[in-house]
Amino acid sequence: MSPDDDEQQAAGHAIENIVASPGPLENAAEWLSSLALAAMILLIGSEAIVRNVFGGSLQITDEICGYLLVAVTFLSMSVSEAHGAFHRVELIQARLSPAARIRLQIAFDACSLLASALVAWQVTRLSMNAFRAEDVAPTPLQTPLWIPQVVMGVGMALLCFTLLRSMAAKVRRLKQVSA
């Protein structure tokens, strides 16, 4: 058992959380999410200063912060999976044997992978269509819409990759438990 498992059991979590620890892709996504969050803080702070001190507005804060929020949301999903931070329903899992519990987690990850792959595919199609049609936001910045949409696709693809890694870790753990 790892130190994280000891912390989980001390916190009342009796079910082992099997995840693939963050790799270079998840670390890069976490760094980019942190950078986007810092940019949001700076932009919102600047907007507050401009409004309160100079009585004006940057006129771009809402739009840019919206795009940054999308980036943080989609890029942080793979990080959350790699850290085992998503919610789990332990009511049923607590009544299962360790092997059955791991099988259930693998099945849930497979369903999550399927749904995530479908979303990644559709978002990628959406961004490709926006690029071909040269769609832009109806705002003063006229941001090409494919830019935030590509980030959504990349985030979903990273989540798919991390789900595959987590499933592999669970299969390895299942082999240990079953042996």
Foldseek 3Di string as FASTA:
>chain_A
DDVVCVVCVVVVNPADQFFAADDPLLVVLVVLLVVLVVVLVVLVVVQVCCCVPVVDGPQCNVVSNVLSVLLNVLSCLLVCRNVVNDDDDCPVLVPDDNLVSLVVVLVVLVVVLVVLVVQLVVLVVVLVVLVVVQQFDPGPVRHRPSVSSVSNNVSSVSNNVRSVRSSVRSVVVSVVVVD
